[in-house]
C-alpha atoms as a PDB file:
ATOM      1  CA  MET A   1     -30.504 -53.995  75.252  1.00  0.00           C
ATOM      2  CA  HIS A   2     -28.437 -53.418  78.414  1.00  0.00           C
ATOM      3  CA  LEU A   3     -29.089 -49.700  78.566  1.00  0.00           C
ATOM      4  CA  LEU A   4     -32.827 -50.185  77.439  1.00  0.00           C
ATOM      5  CA  LEU A   5     -33.801 -53.137  80.155  1.00  0.00           C
ATOM      6  CA  ARG A   6     -31.360 -52.653  83.243  1.00  0.00           C
ATOM      7  CA  GLU A   7     -34.264 -50.804  84.980  1.00  0.00           C
ATOM      8  CA  GLN A   8     -37.191 -52.641  84.329  1.00  0.00           C
ATOM      9  CA  GLU A   9     -38.292 -54.993  87.087  1.00  0.00           C
ATOM     10  CA  TRP A  10     -39.793 -57.591  84.842  1.00  0.00           C
ATOM     11  CA  THR A  11     -36.467 -58.436  83.184  1.00  0.00           C
ATOM     12  CA  PRO A  12     -35.405 -61.610  84.700  1.00  0.00           C
ATOM     13  CA  ALA A  13     -32.036 -61.210  86.677  1.00  0.00           C
ATOM     14  CA  THR A  14     -30.428 -63.660  84.712  1.00  0.00           C
ATOM     15  CA  VAL A  15     -31.062 -61.654  81.456  1.00  0.00           C
ATOM     16  CA  GLN A  16     -29.955 -58.662  83.023  1.00  0.00           C
ATOM     17  CA  GLU A  17     -26.473 -60.067  84.240  1.00  0.00           C
ATOM     18  CA  SER A  18     -26.077 -61.369  80.543  1.00  0.00           C
ATOM     19  CA  LEU A  19     -26.822 -58.036  78.729  1.00  0.00           C
ATOM     20  CA  ARG A  20     -24.609 -56.191  81.246  1.00  0.00           C
ATOM     21  CA  GLN A  21     -21.674 -58.670  80.877  1.00  0.00           C
ATOM     22  CA  ALA A  22     -22.044 -58.099  76.927  1.00  0.00           C
ATOM     23  CA  TYR A  23     -22.238 -54.231  77.454  1.00  0.00           C
ATOM     24  CA  ILE A  24     -18.784 -54.585  79.416  1.00  0.00           C
ATOM     25  CA  ASP A  25     -17.049 -56.954  77.002  1.00  0.00           C
ATOM     26  CA  THR A  26     -18.048 -54.889  73.917  1.00  0.00           C
ATOM     27  CA  ALA A  27     -16.904 -51.822  75.751  1.00  0.00           C
ATOM     28  CA  LEU A  28     -13.821 -53.005  76.695  1.00  0.00           C
ATOM     29  CA  ARG A  29     -13.155 -54.525  73.357  1.00  0.00           C
ATOM     30  CA  ASN A  30     -13.918 -51.550  71.477  1.00  0.00           C
ATOM     31  CA  ALA A  31     -11.727 -49.430  73.842  1.00  0.00           C
ATOM     32  CA  LEU A  32      -8.433 -51.575  72.779  1.00  0.00           C
ATOM     33  CA  LEU A  33      -9.571 -51.329  69.160  1.00  0.00           C
ATOM     34  CA  LEU A  34      -9.955 -47.748  69.270  1.00  0.00           C
ATOM     35  CA  ASP A  35      -6.901 -47.340  71.245  1.00  0.00           C
ATOM     36  CA  GLU A  36      -5.184 -49.110  68.541  1.00  0.00           C
ATOM     37  CA  LEU A  37      -6.853 -46.981  66.016  1.00  0.00           C
ATOM     38  CA  GLY A  38      -5.481 -44.131  67.499  1.00  0.00           C
ATOM     39  CA  ARG A  39      -1.799 -45.446  67.522  1.00  0.00           C
ATOM     40  CA  VAL A  40      -2.369 -46.225  63.645  1.00  0.00           C
ATOM     41  CA  LEU A  41      -3.638 -42.611  62.866  1.00  0.00           C
ATOM     42  CA  ARG A  42      -0.740 -41.025  64.257  1.00  0.00           C
ATOM     43  CA  LEU A  43       1.670 -43.212  62.555  1.00  0.00           C
ATOM     44  CA  LEU A  44       0.249 -42.628  59.327  1.00  0.00           C
ATOM     45  CA  ALA A  45      -0.229 -38.685  59.849  1.00  0.00           C
ATOM     46  CA  GLN A  46       3.404 -38.741  60.770  1.00  0.00           C
ATOM     47  CA  ALA A  47       4.467 -40.101  57.540  1.00  0.00           C
ATOM     48  CA  GLY A  48       1.758 -37.522  55.640  1.00  0.00           C
ATOM     49  CA  ILE A  49      -0.487 -40.530  54.617  1.00  0.00           C
ATOM     50  CA  PRO A  50      -4.229 -39.114  54.713  1.00  0.00           C
ATOM     51  CA  ALA A  51      -7.079 -41.331  56.219  1.00  0.00           C
ATOM     52  CA  ILE A  52     -10.661 -41.784  56.483  1.00  0.00           C
ATOM     53  CA  ILE A  53     -12.188 -43.776  59.031  1.00  0.00           C
ATOM     54  CA  LEU A  54     -15.057 -46.057  57.757  1.00  0.00           C
ATOM     55  CA  LYS A  55     -17.984 -48.245  58.871  1.00  0.00           C
ATOM     56  CA  GLY A  56     -18.028 -49.107  62.906  1.00  0.00           C
ATOM     57  CA  ALA A  57     -15.176 -47.038  64.277  1.00  0.00           C
ATOM     58  CA  ALA A  58     -16.594 -43.942  62.521  1.00  0.00           C
ATOM     59  CA  LEU A  59     -19.971 -44.160  63.784  1.00  0.00           C
ATOM     60  CA  ALA A  60     -19.534 -45.447  67.296  1.00  0.00           C
ATOM     61  CA  GLU A  61     -19.307 -41.926  68.914  1.00  0.00           C
ATOM     62  CA  ALA A  62     -20.379 -39.675  66.584  1.00  0.00           C
ATOM     63  CA  VAL A  63     -23.630 -41.487  65.848  1.00  0.00           C
ATOM     64  CA  TYR A  64     -24.591 -43.956  68.327  1.00  0.00           C
ATOM     65  CA  GLY A  65     -23.032 -41.534  71.189  1.00  0.00           C
ATOM     66  CA  ASN A  66     -21.384 -44.491  72.908  1.00  0.00           C
ATOM     67  CA  ALA A  67     -18.857 -46.691  71.906  1.00  0.00           C
ATOM     68  CA  ALA A  68     -19.870 -49.730  73.667  1.00  0.00           C
ATOM     69  CA  LEU A  69     -23.246 -49.426  71.984  1.00  0.00           C
ATOM     70  CA  ARG A  70     -21.809 -50.470  68.568  1.00  0.00           C
ATOM     71  CA  PRO A  71     -19.768 -53.619  68.558  1.00  0.00           C
ATOM     72  CA  MET A  72     -16.875 -53.785  66.308  1.00  0.00           C
ATOM     73  CA  LEU A  73     -14.486 -56.827  64.971  1.00  0.00           C
ATOM     74  CA  ASP A  74     -11.942 -54.950  62.970  1.00  0.00           C
ATOM     75  CA  LEU A  75     -10.803 -51.389  61.848  1.00  0.00           C
ATOM     76  CA  ASP A  76     -11.525 -50.111  58.326  1.00  0.00           C
ATOM     77  CA  LEU A  77      -9.447 -47.172  57.123  1.00  0.00           C
ATOM     78  CA  LEU A  78      -9.702 -45.399  53.330  1.00  0.00           C
ATOM     79  CA  ILE A  79      -6.320 -44.824  52.231  1.00  0.00           C
ATOM     80  CA  PRO A  80      -5.492 -42.954  48.597  1.00  0.00           C
ATOM     81  CA  ALA A  81      -4.184 -45.986  46.140  1.00  0.00           C
ATOM     82  CA  GLU A  82      -1.019 -44.463  45.794  1.00  0.00           C
ATOM     83  CA  ARG A  83       0.039 -44.408  49.343  1.00  0.00           C
ATOM     84  CA  VAL A  84      -1.463 -47.860  50.117  1.00  0.00           C
ATOM     85  CA  ALA A  85       2.187 -49.874  49.627  1.00  0.00           C
ATOM     86  CA  GLU A  86       3.688 -47.140  51.704  1.00  0.00           C
ATOM     87  CA  ALA A  87       1.053 -47.690  54.602  1.00  0.00           C
ATOM     88  CA  VAL A  88       1.304 -51.420  54.456  1.00  0.00           C
ATOM     89  CA  ALA A  89       5.129 -50.788  54.933  1.00  0.00           C
ATOM     90  CA  LEU A  90       4.983 -48.541  57.983  1.00  0.00           C
ATOM     91  CA  LEU A  91       2.244 -51.286  59.631  1.00  0.00           C
ATOM     92  CA  GLU A  92       4.417 -54.138  59.008  1.00  0.00           C
ATOM     93  CA  GLU A  93       6.851 -52.062  61.114  1.00  0.00           C
ATOM     94  CA  ILE A  94       4.443 -52.127  64.254  1.00  0.00           C
ATOM     95  CA  GLY A  95       3.722 -55.843  63.939  1.00  0.00           C
ATOM     96  CA  TYR A  96       0.967 -55.952  61.316  1.00  0.00           C
ATOM     97  CA  GLN A  97       1.011 -58.723  58.863  1.00  0.00           C
ATOM     98  CA  SER A  98      -0.666 -59.412  55.426  1.00  0.00           C
ATOM     99  CA  ALA A  99      -3.402 -61.770  55.674  1.00  0.00           C
ATOM    100  CA  GLY A 100      -2.135 -63.984  52.624  1.00  0.00           C
ATOM    101  CA  VAL A 101      -0.104 -64.057  49.384  1.00  0.00           C
ATOM    102  CA  GLU A 102      -1.336 -62.127  46.315  1.00  0.00           C
ATOM    103  CA  VAL A 103      -2.163 -64.316  43.144  1.00  0.00           C
ATOM    104  CA  ALA A 104       0.369 -62.351  41.255  1.00  0.00           C
ATOM    105  CA  ALA A 105       2.358 -58.928  42.359  1.00  0.00           C
ATOM    106  CA  GLY A 106       0.008 -55.861  41.979  1.00  0.00           C
ATOM    107  CA  VAL A 107      -3.417 -57.942  41.599  1.00  0.00           C
ATOM    108  CA  THR A 108      -4.696 -57.117  44.533  1.00  0.00           C
ATOM    109  CA  LEU A 109      -4.282 -53.262  44.119  1.00  0.00           C
ATOM    110  CA  ALA A 110      -5.460 -53.275  40.429  1.00  0.00           C
ATOM    111  CA  TYR A 111      -8.414 -55.461  40.878  1.00  0.00           C
ATOM    112  CA  GLU A 112      -9.594 -55.330  44.508  1.00  0.00           C
ATOM    113  CA  ASN A 113     -10.739 -52.871  47.282  1.00  0.00           C
ATOM    114  CA  GLU A 114      -8.840 -53.650  50.238  1.00  0.00           C
ATOM    115  CA  VAL A 115      -5.881 -55.495  51.868  1.00  0.00           C
ATOM    116  CA  MET A 116      -6.416 -57.138  55.261  1.00  0.00           C
ATOM    117  CA  LEU A 117      -3.723 -56.878  57.712  1.00  0.00           C
ATOM    118  CA  GLY A 118      -3.594 -58.662  61.265  1.00  0.00           C
ATOM    119  CA  LYS A 119      -1.835 -58.000  64.534  1.00  0.00           C
ATOM    120  CA  ASN A 120      -0.552 -61.301  66.299  1.00  0.00           C
ATOM    121  CA  ASP A 121      -0.733 -59.853  70.036  1.00  0.00           C
ATOM    122  CA  CYS A 122      -3.307 -59.732  72.736  1.00  0.00           C
ATOM    123  CA  THR A 123      -5.482 -57.289  70.824  1.00  0.00           C
ATOM    124  CA  GLY A 124      -5.523 -59.362  67.848  1.00  0.00           C
ATOM    125  CA  THR A 125      -6.332 -56.499  65.808  1.00  0.00           C
ATOM    126  CA  ALA A 126      -7.690 -56.726  62.206  1.00  0.00           C
ATOM    127  CA  LEU A 127      -7.002 -53.920  60.025  1.00  0.00           C
ATOM    128  CA  GLU A 128      -8.540 -53.458  56.548  1.00  0.00           C
ATOM    129  CA  LEU A 129      -6.895 -50.839  54.250  1.00  0.00           C
ATOM    130  CA  HIS A 130      -9.164 -49.587  51.546  1.00  0.00           C
ATOM    131  CA  TRP A 131      -8.510 -47.652  48.446  1.00  0.00           C
ATOM    132  CA  SER A 132     -12.023 -47.979  46.795  1.00  0.00           C
ATOM    133  CA  LEU A 133     -15.181 -48.713  48.816  1.00  0.00           C
ATOM    134  CA  ILE A 134     -16.793 -51.742  46.915  1.00  0.00           C
ATOM    135  CA  ASP A 135     -15.370 -55.135  46.230  1.00  0.00           C
ATOM    136  CA  SER A 136     -15.907 -54.886  42.477  1.00  0.00           C
ATOM    137  CA  PRO A 137     -13.764 -54.074  39.365  1.00  0.00           C
ATOM    138  CA  HIS A 138     -17.169 -52.420  37.967  1.00  0.00           C
ATOM    139  CA  TYR A 139     -17.282 -50.062  40.958  1.00  0.00           C
ATOM    140  CA  GLN A 140     -13.351 -49.470  40.978  1.00  0.00           C
ATOM    141  CA  ARG A 141     -14.113 -47.525  37.827  1.00  0.00           C
ATOM    142  CA  THR A 142     -17.438 -45.691  38.354  1.00  0.00           C
ATOM    143  CA  LEU A 143     -16.970 -44.449  42.183  1.00  0.00           C
ATOM    144  CA  ALA A 144     -15.322 -41.039  41.943  1.00  0.00           C
ATOM    145  CA  MET A 145     -12.936 -41.753  45.160  1.00  0.00           C
ATOM    146  CA  ALA A 146     -11.823 -37.986  44.455  1.00  0.00           C
ATOM    147  CA  TRP A 147     -15.478 -37.006  45.393  1.00  0.00           C
ATOM    148  CA  PHE A 148     -15.405 -38.941  48.765  1.00  0.00           C
ATOM    149  CA  TRP A 149     -12.247 -37.839  49.955  1.00  0.00           C
ATOM    150  CA  GLN A 150     -13.464 -33.899  49.063  1.00  0.00           C
ATOM    151  CA  THR A 151     -16.444 -34.176  51.069  1.00  0.00           C
ATOM    152  CA  GLY A 152     -14.665 -36.065  53.995  1.00  0.00           C
ATOM    153  CA  GLN A 153     -15.132 -34.542  57.445  1.00  0.00           C
ATOM    154  CA  PRO A 154     -12.692 -33.829  60.327  1.00  0.00           C
ATOM    155  CA  ALA A 155     -12.890 -35.762  63.431  1.00  0.00           C
ATOM    156  CA  MET A 156     -10.863 -36.913  66.572  1.00  0.00           C
ATOM    157  CA  VAL A 157     -10.522 -40.804  67.220  1.00  0.00           C
ATOM    158  CA  ALA A 158      -8.699 -41.948  70.392  1.00  0.00           C
ATOM    159  CA  GLY A 159      -6.998 -38.251  70.722  1.00  0.00           C
ATOM    160  CA  ALA A 160      -5.920 -38.749  66.850  1.00  0.00           C
ATOM    161  CA  PRO A 161      -6.937 -36.378  64.020  1.00  0.00           C
ATOM    162  CA  ALA A 162      -8.306 -37.970  61.332  1.00  0.00           C
ATOM    163  CA  ARG A 163     -11.381 -37.996  58.770  1.00  0.00           C
ATOM    164  CA  VAL A 164     -14.588 -39.223  58.266  1.00  0.00           C
ATOM    165  CA  LEU A 165     -17.154 -39.628  55.309  1.00  0.00           C
ATOM    166  CA  GLY A 166     -19.372 -36.719  54.531  1.00  0.00           C
ATOM    167  CA  LEU A 167     -23.002 -37.583  55.557  1.00  0.00           C
ATOM    168  CA  GLU A 168     -24.139 -38.324  51.789  1.00  0.00           C
ATOM    169  CA  ALA A 169     -21.006 -40.235  51.049  1.00  0.00           C
ATOM    170  CA  GLN A 170     -21.732 -42.217  54.430  1.00  0.00           C
ATOM    171  CA  VAL A 171     -25.250 -42.873  53.007  1.00  0.00           C
ATOM    172  CA  LEU A 172     -24.276 -44.143  50.088  1.00  0.00           C
ATOM    173  CA  HIS A 173     -21.513 -46.378  51.407  1.00  0.00           C
ATOM    174  CA  LEU A 174     -23.591 -47.837  54.284  1.00  0.00           C
ATOM    175  CA  CYS A 175     -26.286 -48.838  51.593  1.00  0.00           C
ATOM    176  CA  ALA A 176     -24.197 -50.090  49.149  1.00  0.00           C
ATOM    177  CA  HIS A 177     -21.983 -51.887  51.707  1.00  0.00           C
ATOM    178  CA  LEU A 178     -25.302 -53.584  53.222  1.00  0.00           C
ATOM    179  CA  LEU A 179     -26.487 -54.596  49.856  1.00  0.00           C
ATOM    180  CA  LEU A 180     -23.395 -55.519  47.501  1.00  0.00           C
ATOM    181  CA  HIS A 181     -21.622 -57.098  50.492  1.00  0.00           C
ATOM    182  CA  HIS A 182     -24.174 -58.749  52.581  1.00  0.00           C
ATOM    183  CA  ARG A 183     -27.151 -59.186  50.341  1.00  0.00           C
ATOM    184  CA  GLY A 184     -29.131 -56.735  52.468  1.00  0.00           C
ATOM    185  CA  ARG A 185     -28.812 -58.887  55.518  1.00  0.00           C
ATOM    186  CA  GLY A 186     -26.993 -58.108  58.958  1.00  0.00           C
ATOM    187  CA  LEU A 187     -28.962 -56.248  61.741  1.00  0.00           C
ATOM    188  CA  LEU A 188     -25.929 -54.587  62.527  1.00  0.00           C
ATOM    189  CA  TRP A 189     -25.212 -52.956  59.439  1.00  0.00           C
ATOM    190  CA  GLN A 190     -28.937 -51.956  59.032  1.00  0.00           C
ATOM    191  CA  MET A 191     -28.936 -50.362  62.438  1.00  0.00           C
ATOM    192  CA  ASP A 192     -25.835 -48.141  61.594  1.00  0.00           C
ATOM    193  CA  ILE A 193     -27.974 -46.819  58.470  1.00  0.00           C
ATOM    194  CA  VAL A 194     -31.048 -46.346  60.814  1.00  0.00           C
ATOM    195  CA  ALA A 195     -28.990 -44.688  63.486  1.00  0.00           C
ATOM    196  CA  LEU A 196     -27.323 -42.279  61.193  1.00  0.00           C
ATOM    197  CA  LEU A 197     -30.504 -41.198  59.745  1.00  0.00           C
ATOM    198  CA  HIS A 198     -31.870 -40.493  63.227  1.00  0.00           C
ATOM    199  CA  ALA A 199     -28.871 -38.780  64.490  1.00  0.00           C
ATOM    200  CA  TRP A 200     -28.093 -36.629  61.274  1.00  0.00           C
ATOM    201  CA  GLY A 201     -30.866 -37.020  58.839  1.00  0.00           C
ATOM    202  CA  GLY A 202     -31.962 -33.475  59.096  1.00  0.00           C
ATOM    203  CA  ARG A 203     -28.762 -32.350  57.705  1.00  0.00           C
ATOM    204  CA  ILE A 204     -28.472 -34.828  54.445  1.00  0.00           C
ATOM    205  CA  ASP A 205     -28.414 -33.187  51.353  1.00  0.00           C
ATOM    206  CA  TRP A 206     -30.837 -35.775  49.647  1.00  0.00           C
ATOM    207  CA  ASP A 207     -30.690 -33.804  46.219  1.00  0.00           C
ATOM    208  CA  LEU A 208     -26.866 -34.770  46.112  1.00  0.00           C
ATOM    209  CA  VAL A 209     -27.325 -38.368  47.439  1.00  0.00           C
ATOM    210  CA  LEU A 210     -29.471 -39.049  44.352  1.00  0.00           C
ATOM    211  CA  ALA A 211     -27.383 -37.609  41.838  1.00  0.00           C
ATOM    212  CA  GLN A 212     -24.467 -39.421  42.919  1.00  0.00           C
ATOM    213  CA  ALA A 213     -26.463 -42.450  43.153  1.00  0.00           C
ATOM    214  CA  ALA A 214     -27.062 -42.107  39.813  1.00  0.00           C
ATOM    215  CA  ALA A 215     -23.623 -41.164  38.651  1.00  0.00           C
ATOM    216  CA  PHE A 216     -21.958 -44.172  40.566  1.00  0.00           C
ATOM    217  CA  ASP A 217     -24.418 -46.820  39.817  1.00  0.00           C
ATOM    218  CA  LEU A 218     -25.634 -47.264  43.035  1.00  0.00           C
ATOM    219  CA  VAL A 219     -29.309 -46.633  42.567  1.00  0.00           C
ATOM    220  CA  LEU A 220     -30.469 -50.064  43.478  1.00  0.00           C
ATOM    221  CA  PRO A 221     -28.401 -50.322  46.884  1.00  0.00           C
ATOM    222  CA  LEU A 222     -30.068 -47.096  47.615  1.00  0.00           C
ATOM    223  CA  ARG A 223     -33.529 -47.962  46.842  1.00  0.00           C
ATOM    224  CA  GLN A 224     -33.571 -51.216  48.140  1.00  0.00           C
ATOM    225  CA  VAL A 225     -31.953 -50.658  51.290  1.00  0.00           C
ATOM    226  CA  LEU A 226     -33.740 -47.234  52.274  1.00  0.00           C
ATOM    227  CA  ALA A 227     -37.220 -48.536  51.547  1.00  0.00           C
ATOM    228  CA  GLU A 228     -36.866 -51.524  53.557  1.00  0.00           C
ATOM    229  CA  LEU A 229     -35.134 -49.908  56.384  1.00  0.00           C
ATOM    230  CA  ALA A 230     -38.275 -47.258  56.018  1.00  0.00           C
ATOM    231  CA  ALA A 231     -41.009 -50.110  56.042  1.00  0.00           C
ATOM    232  CA  THR A 232     -39.217 -52.637  58.824  1.00  0.00           C
ATOM    233  CA  TRP A 233     -37.559 -49.699  61.248  1.00  0.00           C
ATOM    234  CA  HIS A 234     -39.668 -46.832  60.387  1.00  0.00           C
ATOM    235  CA  ALA A 235     -36.589 -45.170  59.862  1.00  0.00           C
ATOM    236  CA  PRO A 236     -36.744 -41.501  58.981  1.00  0.00           C
ATOM    237  CA  VAL A 237     -36.259 -41.256  55.233  1.00  0.00           C
ATOM    238  CA  PRO A 238     -38.554 -38.625  53.655  1.00  0.00           C
ATOM    239  CA  ALA A 239     -41.486 -40.048  51.505  1.00  0.00           C
ATOM    240  CA  LEU A 240     -40.368 -37.499  48.453  1.00  0.00           C
ATOM    241  CA  VAL A 241     -36.774 -39.137  48.792  1.00  0.00           C
ATOM    242  CA  LEU A 242     -38.389 -42.856  48.278  1.00  0.00           C
ATOM    243  CA  HIS A 243     -40.660 -41.716  45.669  1.00  0.00           C
ATOM    244  CA  ARG A 244     -37.736 -40.231  43.593  1.00  0.00           C
ATOM    245  CA  LEU A 245     -35.628 -43.467  44.004  1.00  0.00           C
ATOM    246  CA  ALA A 246     -38.531 -45.440  43.041  1.00  0.00           C
ATOM    247  CA  ALA A 247     -38.529 -43.564  39.783  1.00  0.00           C
ATOM    248  CA  LEU A 248     -34.781 -43.517  39.016  1.00  0.00           C
ATOM    249  CA  SER A 249     -33.827 -46.041  36.280  1.00  0.00           C
ATOM    250  CA  PRO A 250     -30.530 -47.860  36.985  1.00  0.00           C
ATOM    251  CA  SER A 251     -28.040 -48.414  34.340  1.00  0.00           C
ATOM    252  CA  PRO A 252     -27.801 -51.711  32.555  1.00  0.00           C
ATOM    253  CA  ALA A 253     -24.539 -52.239  33.606  1.00  0.00           C
ATOM    254  CA  GLU A 254     -25.769 -51.549  37.294  1.00  0.00           C
ATOM    255  CA  GLN A 255     -28.246 -54.062  36.906  1.00  0.00           C
ATOM    256  CA  GLN A 256     -25.729 -56.700  35.544  1.00  0.00           C
ATOM    257  CA  VAL A 257     -23.467 -56.064  38.538  1.00  0.00           C
ATOM    258  CA  VAL A 258     -26.030 -56.167  41.259  1.00  0.00           C
ATOM    259  CA  GLN A 259     -27.592 -59.281  40.000  1.00  0.00           C
ATOM    260  CA  ARG A 260     -24.191 -61.020  40.191  1.00  0.00           C
ATOM    261  CA  LEU A 261     -23.181 -59.368  43.316  1.00  0.00           C
ATOM    262  CA  THR A 262     -26.158 -59.985  45.386  1.00  0.00           C
ATOM    263  CA  ALA A 263     -26.545 -64.002  43.834  1.00  0.00           C
ATOM    264  CA  ALA A 264     -27.870 -66.328  46.214  1.00  0.00           C
ATOM    265  CA  GLN A 265     -24.815 -68.739  45.902  1.00  0.00           C
ATOM    266  CA  ARG A 266     -21.325 -66.974  44.981  1.00  0.00           C
ATOM    267  CA  PRO A 267     -18.551 -69.683  45.141  1.00  0.00           C
ATOM    268  CA  THR A 268     -15.003 -68.821  44.385  1.00  0.00           C
ATOM    269  CA  ALA A 269     -15.555 -69.496  40.657  1.00  0.00           C
ATOM    270  CA  ARG A 270     -18.423 -67.492  40.240  1.00  0.00           C
ATOM    271  CA  ARG A 271     -17.029 -64.476  41.992  1.00  0.00           C
ATOM    272  CA  PHE A 272     -14.246 -64.782  39.327  1.00  0.00           C
ATOM    273  CA  TRP A 273     -16.699 -64.957  36.583  1.00  0.00           C
ATOM    274  CA  ALA A 274     -18.649 -61.702  37.475  1.00  0.00           C
ATOM    275  CA  ASP A 275     -14.985 -59.814  38.139  1.00  0.00           C
ATOM    276  CA  LEU A 276     -14.272 -60.900  34.951  1.00  0.00           C
ATOM    277  CA  ALA A 277     -17.483 -59.678  33.312  1.00  0.00           C
ATOM    278  CA  SER A 278     -17.535 -56.526  35.106  1.00  0.00           C
ATOM    279  CA  LEU A 279     -14.204 -55.298  33.105  1.00  0.00           C
ATOM    280  CA  PRO A 280     -14.506 -53.164  30.377  1.00  0.00           C
ATOM    281  CA  THR A 281     -12.189 -54.628  27.523  1.00  0.00           C
ATOM    282  CA  TRP A 282     -11.437 -58.097  26.345  1.00  0.00           C
ATOM    283  CA  GLN A 283      -7.753 -57.333  26.843  1.00  0.00           C
ATOM    284  CA  GLN A 284      -8.490 -56.581  30.758  1.00  0.00           C
ATOM    285  CA  ARG A 285     -10.565 -59.589  30.747  1.00  0.00           C
ATOM    286  CA  LEU A 286      -7.854 -61.888  29.129  1.00  0.00           C
ATOM    287  CA  ARG A 287      -5.055 -60.404  31.747  1.00  0.00           C
ATOM    288  CA  PHE A 288      -7.432 -60.730  34.562  1.00  0.00           C
ATOM    289  CA  ALA A 289      -8.063 -64.379  33.477  1.00  0.00           C
ATOM    290  CA  GLY A 290      -4.636 -65.343  33.000  1.00  0.00           C
ATOM    291  CA  LEU A 291      -3.548 -64.025  36.225  1.00  0.00           C
ATOM    292  CA  HIS A 292      -6.227 -65.998  38.240  1.00  0.00           C
ATOM    293  CA  LEU A 293      -6.019 -69.231  36.171  1.00  0.00           C
ATOM    294  CA  PHE A 294      -2.148 -69.303  36.559  1.00  0.00           C
ATOM    295  CA  PRO A 295      -1.388 -67.618  40.136  1.00  0.00           C
ATOM    296  CA  SER A 296       2.043 -67.581  41.058  1.00  0.00           C
ATOM    297  CA  PRO A 297       3.636 -70.663  42.860  1.00  0.00           C
ATOM    298  CA  ALA A 298       4.080 -68.768  46.269  1.00  0.00           C
ATOM    299  CA  TYR A 299       0.056 -68.282  46.017  1.00  0.00           C
ATOM    300  CA  MET A 300      -0.523 -71.949  45.050  1.00  0.00           C
ATOM    301  CA  ARG A 301       1.778 -73.197  48.289  1.00  0.00           C
ATOM    302  CA  GLN A 302      -0.152 -71.051  50.821  1.00  0.00           C
ATOM    303  CA  ARG A 303      -3.653 -71.383  49.268  1.00  0.00           C
ATOM    304  CA  TYR A 304      -3.544 -75.074  49.009  1.00  0.00           C
ATOM    305  CA  THR A 305      -1.073 -75.942  51.390  1.00  0.00           C
ATOM    306  CA  LEU A 306       1.352 -77.669  49.293  1.00  0.00           C
ATOM    307  CA  SER A 307       4.323 -79.319  50.861  1.00  0.00           C
ATOM    308  CA  HIS A 308       6.506 -80.006  47.616  1.00  0.00           C
ATOM    309  CA  ALA A 309       7.018 -78.037  44.624  1.00  0.00           C
ATOM    310  CA  ALA A 310       6.419 -81.110  42.399  1.00  0.00           C
ATOM    311  CA  LEU A 311       2.602 -80.915  43.321  1.00  0.00           C
ATOM    312  CA  LEU A 312       2.491 -77.671  41.677  1.00  0.00           C
ATOM    313  CA  PRO A 313       1.126 -78.784  38.297  1.00  0.00           C
ATOM    314  CA  ALA A 314      -1.500 -81.343  39.693  1.00  0.00           C
ATOM    315  CA  TYR A 315      -3.066 -78.400  41.891  1.00  0.00           C
ATOM    316  CA  TYR A 316      -3.140 -75.769  38.910  1.00  0.00           C
ATOM    317  CA  LEU A 317      -5.362 -78.644  37.018  1.00  0.00           C
ATOM    318  CA  TYR A 318      -7.463 -79.217  40.283  1.00  0.00           C
ATOM    319  CA  ARG A 319      -8.158 -75.298  40.637  1.00  0.00           C
ATOM    320  CA  TRP A 320      -9.348 -75.462  36.750  1.00  0.00           C
ATOM    321  CA  VAL A 321     -11.384 -78.459  37.301  1.00  0.00           C
ATOM    322  CA  SER A 322     -12.997 -77.639  40.706  1.00  0.00           C
ATOM    323  CA  GLY A 323     -13.997 -74.180  39.483  1.00  0.00           C
ATOM    324  CA  PHE A 324     -15.415 -75.363  36.601  1.00  0.00           C
ATOM    325  CA  PHE A 325     -18.032 -77.748  38.584  1.00  0.00           C
ATOM    326  CA  ASP A 326     -18.472 -74.992  41.029  1.00  0.00           C
ATOM    327  CA  ILE A 327     -19.945 -72.968  38.199  1.00  0.00           C
ATOM    328  CA  VAL A 328     -21.847 -76.065  36.826  1.00  0.00           C
ATOM    329  CA  PHE A 329     -23.400 -76.832  40.047  1.00  0.00           C
ATOM    330  CA  VAL A 330     -24.587 -73.325  40.900  1.00  0.00           C
ATOM    331  CA  ASN A 331     -26.183 -72.907  37.420  1.00  0.00           C
ATOM    332  CA  LYS A 332     -28.057 -76.359  38.134  1.00  0.00           C
ATOM    333  CA  ASN A 333     -29.316 -75.223  41.284  1.00  0.00           C
ATOM    334  CA  GLU A 334     -30.524 -71.994  39.917  1.00  0.00           C
ATOM    335  CA  LYS A 335     -32.361 -73.780  37.223  1.00  0.00           C
ATOM    336  CA  ALA A 336     -33.980 -76.091  39.219  1.00  0.00           C
ATOM    337  CA  ALA A 337     -34.742 -73.338  41.703  1.00  0.00           C
ATOM    338  CA  LYS A 338     -36.702 -71.224  38.829  1.00  0.00           C
ATOM    339  CA  VAL A 339     -38.248 -74.541  37.572  1.00  0.00           C
ATOM    340  CA  ILE A 340     -39.642 -75.076  41.281  1.00  0.00           C
ATOM    341  CA  ASN A 341     -40.793 -71.005  41.234  1.00  0.00           C
ATOM    342  CA  ILE A 342     -42.610 -71.742  38.052  1.00  0.00           C
ATOM    343  CA  ASP A 343     -44.660 -74.812  39.128  1.00  0.00           C
ATOM    344  CA  ASN A 344     -45.671 -73.304  42.407  1.00  0.00           C
END
């Protein structure tokens, strides 16, 4: 907005100044983040750990053409799953700390898609290390991460060599992130996709995008997001692509998992049930349930800020009961909403 309105005489001076300050603040904050990203990339490269830059840091220069135009709150990197523990150890040596205690050892790597690290210095950098792209056990199985790595493209960020997702993978990831992590809401993430399509849309292999969307159970995110952005923001999506997307049939598994991930209310207990249901075998479900119903004492002490070990049994009971009532409360609200919709 600052670049668009700074030379318009009709714009009030106070608005001009506010936009100018926001632009400067974003430029300074992003410069600090990108400088830190360069340091992290060089550290990982020295250890032979490959990394793909995700989201804002990957788009700021390549898509927006000016890092100050794309606000960033954190940094996101994709790391091979088998190198995550090594990467975390290296980052801890330069001041990063894990955001929390695991439910049990190995649970994060087995069932989640990222680990969050923070740096307690003047930058306050938040860094997310991903090994998969969507926060769902279902997508940890269906996303062929080898393809995302194979199609990655070289890039230079803050003077450090790195990689970014290929264009087709970028479209899939940004659409999935917007719908499945943010229920399709968020102007920033919408603009990322619109800007990408304006900047590089002519080079996108749409046949490949559609084929991989079907293979990865990403038909619904691609269909809903691209159709909405084309209608609302006039995003340059070819009409034939929208027509072909409308004709694609999402798998039953995709329909179920997307419905769960985009539910209006997703308290912790509901997220637990959604992840549980997405696991393919009863053995895996039982293991997952056991780990979350009986998390480690260290996790319980941090999660509930317990001052004494004697409180643990009571808080395990509290965890189960509160989770049960969370689910009952959400189900009642959803049923009431359905009744209201029917009456209307």
